[in-house]
Amino acid sequence: MTPMKRARQLGWIAAALTFTWFLVHTFVGGAEVAGPLRASDLPMSVMAPAWMVWHMVTGLLLFLALLFAWAAVKGARDAMIVAAAISAVLAIAGLAAAPLTGAGFLALPQGFLFIPGAVLGWIAARGMGQRS
């Protein structure tokens, strides 16, 4: 198998994983987080931005999955690097949030979900930089 073909396969796996997290976020998170957040007694200055950010993350996850897929289809190394970097930022933010908020990783495991996409994306990007 050529390095480019292997890189594209890894990109597709990253896309599928990210799309899975989009679906979980949308359908499980919507019921567990967005709905209760909207119905909460939190002050509007807290509830509204949190609810808006939840929806921004929904869009970001879909965009990220599509970016991984597009990079895989086109063999676009630069796009794969961007997708991997976004995944890495989300992983780092998620991993930092658990201890910094005191919630712990059982309550906030989301950071771990982005590590595979970041790693697969970096490996794919390296393979896209090679000539066969």
C-alpha atoms as a PDB file:
ATOM      1  CA  MET A   1       0.000   0.000   0.000  1.00  0.00           C
ATOM      2  CA  THR A   2       1.350   3.427  -0.904  1.00  0.00           C
ATOM      3  CA  PRO A   3       1.956   6.007   1.833  1.00  0.00           C
ATOM      4  CA  MET A   4      -0.741   8.234   0.318  1.00  0.00           C
ATOM      5  CA  LYS A   5      -3.338   5.458   0.318  1.00  0.00           C
ATOM      6  CA  ARG A   6      -2.527   4.616   3.948  1.00  0.00           C
ATOM      7  CA  ALA A   7      -2.658   8.320   4.844  1.00  0.00           C
ATOM      8  CA  ARG A   8      -6.083   8.652   3.255  1.00  0.00           C
ATOM      9  CA  GLN A   9      -7.340   5.615   5.179  1.00  0.00           C
ATOM     10  CA  LEU A  10      -6.130   7.149   8.439  1.00  0.00           C
ATOM     11  CA  GLY A  11      -7.836  10.412   7.499  1.00  0.00           C
ATOM     12  CA  TRP A  12     -11.100   8.547   6.919  1.00  0.00           C
ATOM     13  CA  ILE A  13     -10.800   6.869  10.319  1.00  0.00           C
ATOM     14  CA  ALA A  14     -10.248  10.287  11.941  1.00  0.00           C
ATOM     15  CA  ALA A  15     -13.287  11.610  10.056  1.00  0.00           C
ATOM     16  CA  ALA A  16     -15.445   8.687  11.189  1.00  0.00           C
ATOM     17  CA  LEU A  17     -14.380   9.048  14.821  1.00  0.00           C
ATOM     18  CA  THR A  18     -15.006  12.780  14.783  1.00  0.00           C
ATOM     19  CA  PHE A  19     -18.401  12.290  13.139  1.00  0.00           C
ATOM     20  CA  THR A  20     -19.219   9.757  15.859  1.00  0.00           C
ATOM     21  CA  TRP A  21     -18.381  12.377  18.518  1.00  0.00           C
ATOM     22  CA  PHE A  22     -20.586  14.850  16.621  1.00  0.00           C
ATOM     23  CA  LEU A  23     -23.492  12.404  16.786  1.00  0.00           C
ATOM     24  CA  VAL A  24     -22.929  11.641  20.477  1.00  0.00           C
ATOM     25  CA  HIS A  25     -22.599  15.347  21.266  1.00  0.00           C
ATOM     26  CA  THR A  26     -25.742  16.194  19.311  1.00  0.00           C
ATOM     27  CA  PHE A  27     -28.070  13.427  20.445  1.00  0.00           C
ATOM     28  CA  VAL A  28     -26.758  12.374  23.857  1.00  0.00           C
ATOM     29  CA  GLY A  29     -25.356  15.763  24.841  1.00  0.00           C
ATOM     30  CA  GLY A  30     -28.460  17.542  23.666  1.00  0.00           C
ATOM     31  CA  ALA A  31     -30.592  15.553  26.062  1.00  0.00           C
ATOM     32  CA  GLU A  32     -28.080  15.584  28.916  1.00  0.00           C
ATOM     33  CA  VAL A  33     -26.606  19.073  28.608  1.00  0.00           C
ATOM     34  CA  ALA A  34     -28.238  21.517  26.202  1.00  0.00           C
ATOM     35  CA  GLY A  35     -31.846  20.833  27.191  1.00  0.00           C
ATOM     36  CA  PRO A  36     -31.294  20.962  30.961  1.00  0.00           C
ATOM     37  CA  LEU A  37     -29.007  23.975  30.564  1.00  0.00           C
ATOM     38  CA  ARG A  38     -31.714  25.882  28.708  1.00  0.00           C
ATOM     39  CA  ALA A  39     -34.292  24.937  31.355  1.00  0.00           C
ATOM     40  CA  SER A  40     -32.011  25.770  34.290  1.00  0.00           C
ATOM     41  CA  ASP A  41     -32.381  28.599  36.760  1.00  0.00           C
ATOM     42  CA  LEU A  42     -28.907  29.872  35.952  1.00  0.00           C
ATOM     43  CA  PRO A  43     -28.672  33.604  35.330  1.00  0.00           C
ATOM     44  CA  MET A  44     -29.168  34.497  31.666  1.00  0.00           C
ATOM     45  CA  SER A  45     -25.602  35.854  31.597  1.00  0.00           C
ATOM     46  CA  VAL A  46     -24.354  32.317  32.368  1.00  0.00           C
ATOM     47  CA  MET A  47     -26.977  30.144  30.660  1.00  0.00           C
ATOM     48  CA  ALA A  48     -27.110  31.927  27.296  1.00  0.00           C
ATOM     49  CA  PRO A  49     -23.361  31.885  26.540  1.00  0.00           C
ATOM     50  CA  ALA A  50     -23.037  28.267  27.739  1.00  0.00           C
ATOM     51  CA  TRP A  51     -25.976  27.211  25.543  1.00  0.00           C
ATOM     52  CA  MET A  52     -24.529  29.143  22.581  1.00  0.00           C
ATOM     53  CA  VAL A  53     -21.091  27.546  23.057  1.00  0.00           C
ATOM     54  CA  TRP A  54     -22.703  24.090  23.174  1.00  0.00           C
ATOM     55  CA  HIS A  55     -24.190  24.792  19.731  1.00  0.00           C
ATOM     56  CA  MET A  56     -20.893  26.204  18.461  1.00  0.00           C
ATOM     57  CA  VAL A  57     -19.188  22.962  19.464  1.00  0.00           C
ATOM     58  CA  THR A  58     -21.894  21.031  17.607  1.00  0.00           C
ATOM     59  CA  GLY A  59     -21.076  22.925  14.420  1.00  0.00           C
ATOM     60  CA  LEU A  60     -17.330  22.672  15.017  1.00  0.00           C
ATOM     61  CA  LEU A  61     -17.498  18.888  15.386  1.00  0.00           C
ATOM     62  CA  LEU A  62     -19.422  18.506  12.139  1.00  0.00           C
ATOM     63  CA  PHE A  63     -17.023  20.869  10.348  1.00  0.00           C
ATOM     64  CA  LEU A  64     -14.023  18.989  11.746  1.00  0.00           C
ATOM     65  CA  ALA A  65     -15.366  15.618  10.584  1.00  0.00           C
ATOM     66  CA  LEU A  66     -15.976  17.062   7.113  1.00  0.00           C
ATOM     67  CA  LEU A  67     -12.503  18.615   7.063  1.00  0.00           C
ATOM     68  CA  PHE A  68     -10.871  15.275   7.869  1.00  0.00           C
ATOM     69  CA  ALA A  69     -12.972  13.618   5.134  1.00  0.00           C
ATOM     70  CA  TRP A  70     -12.204  16.315   2.568  1.00  0.00           C
ATOM     71  CA  ALA A  71      -8.488  16.145   3.355  1.00  0.00           C
ATOM     72  CA  ALA A  72      -8.615  12.356   2.961  1.00  0.00           C
ATOM     73  CA  VAL A  73     -10.407  12.539  -0.385  1.00  0.00           C
ATOM     74  CA  LYS A  74      -8.143  15.228  -1.817  1.00  0.00           C
ATOM     75  CA  GLY A  75      -4.930  14.050  -0.186  1.00  0.00           C
ATOM     76  CA  ALA A  76      -4.708  17.604   1.144  1.00  0.00           C
ATOM     77  CA  ARG A  77      -1.821  17.570   3.605  1.00  0.00           C
ATOM     78  CA  ASP A  78      -2.337  21.160   4.816  1.00  0.00           C
ATOM     79  CA  ALA A  79      -6.038  20.554   5.524  1.00  0.00           C
ATOM     80  CA  MET A  80      -5.175  17.347   7.383  1.00  0.00           C
ATOM     81  CA  ILE A  81      -2.683  19.283   9.526  1.00  0.00           C
ATOM     82  CA  VAL A  82      -5.349  21.886  10.344  1.00  0.00           C
ATOM     83  CA  ALA A  83      -7.861  19.172  11.288  1.00  0.00           C
ATOM     84  CA  ALA A  84      -5.284  17.403  13.453  1.00  0.00           C
ATOM     85  CA  ALA A  85      -4.326  20.687  15.116  1.00  0.00           C
ATOM     86  CA  ILE A  86      -7.958  21.519  15.915  1.00  0.00           C
ATOM     87  CA  SER A  87      -8.364  18.031  17.391  1.00  0.00           C
ATOM     88  CA  ALA A  88      -5.208  18.521  19.450  1.00  0.00           C
ATOM     89  CA  VAL A  89      -6.454  21.865  20.790  1.00  0.00           C
ATOM     90  CA  LEU A  90      -9.773  20.291  21.760  1.00  0.00           C
ATOM     91  CA  ALA A  91      -7.952  17.395  23.443  1.00  0.00           C
ATOM     92  CA  ILE A  92      -5.674  19.728  25.403  1.00  0.00           C
ATOM     93  CA  ALA A  93      -8.554  21.990  26.444  1.00  0.00           C
ATOM     94  CA  GLY A  94     -10.634  19.007  27.508  1.00  0.00           C
ATOM     95  CA  LEU A  95      -7.800  17.354  29.397  1.00  0.00           C
ATOM     96  CA  ALA A  96      -6.969  20.628  31.158  1.00  0.00           C
ATOM     97  CA  ALA A  97     -10.594  21.406  32.044  1.00  0.00           C
ATOM     98  CA  ALA A  98     -11.120  18.345  34.210  1.00  0.00           C
ATOM     99  CA  PRO A  99      -8.482  19.129  36.858  1.00  0.00           C
ATOM    100  CA  LEU A 100      -8.771  22.911  36.525  1.00  0.00           C
ATOM    101  CA  THR A 101     -12.499  22.879  37.255  1.00  0.00           C
ATOM    102  CA  GLY A 102     -12.208  20.165  39.897  1.00  0.00           C
ATOM    103  CA  ALA A 103     -14.731  18.050  37.991  1.00  0.00           C
ATOM    104  CA  GLY A 104     -12.285  15.212  37.289  1.00  0.00           C
ATOM    105  CA  PHE A 105     -12.020  12.974  34.265  1.00  0.00           C
ATOM    106  CA  LEU A 106     -15.047  10.827  35.124  1.00  0.00           C
ATOM    107  CA  ALA A 107     -17.260  13.895  34.787  1.00  0.00           C
ATOM    108  CA  LEU A 108     -15.288  15.420  31.881  1.00  0.00           C
ATOM    109  CA  PRO A 109     -13.766  12.642  29.752  1.00  0.00           C
ATOM    110  CA  GLN A 110     -14.281  14.511  26.476  1.00  0.00           C
ATOM    111  CA  GLY A 111     -10.650  15.553  26.074  1.00  0.00           C
ATOM    112  CA  PHE A 112      -9.628  11.931  25.621  1.00  0.00           C
ATOM    113  CA  LEU A 113     -12.012  11.585  22.662  1.00  0.00           C
ATOM    114  CA  PHE A 114      -9.938  13.955  20.526  1.00  0.00           C
ATOM    115  CA  ILE A 115      -6.563  12.295  21.020  1.00  0.00           C
ATOM    116  CA  PRO A 116      -7.138   9.582  18.356  1.00  0.00           C
ATOM    117  CA  GLY A 117      -8.205  12.120  15.725  1.00  0.00           C
ATOM    118  CA  ALA A 118      -5.219  14.330  16.467  1.00  0.00           C
ATOM    119  CA  VAL A 119      -2.772  11.424  16.297  1.00  0.00           C
ATOM    120  CA  LEU A 120      -4.332   9.860  13.203  1.00  0.00           C
ATOM    121  CA  GLY A 121      -4.453  13.245  11.504  1.00  0.00           C
ATOM    122  CA  TRP A 122      -0.762  13.944  12.190  1.00  0.00           C
ATOM    123  CA  ILE A 123       0.244  10.498  10.941  1.00  0.00           C
ATOM    124  CA  ALA A 124      -1.952  10.929   7.851  1.00  0.00           C
ATOM    125  CA  ALA A 125      -0.458  14.339   7.143  1.00  0.00           C
ATOM    126  CA  ARG A 126       3.045  12.886   7.348  1.00  0.00           C
ATOM    127  CA  GLY A 127       2.061  10.175   4.856  1.00  0.00           C
ATOM    128  CA  MET A 128       0.595  12.764   2.527  1.00  0.00           C
ATOM    129  CA  GLY A 129       3.943  14.512   2.482  1.00  0.00           C
ATOM    130  CA  GLN A 130       5.708  11.413   1.141  1.00  0.00           C
ATOM    131  CA  ARG A 131       6.044  10.482  -2.488  1.00  0.00           C
ATOM    132  CA  SER A 132       5.402   6.932  -3.614  1.00  0.00           C
END
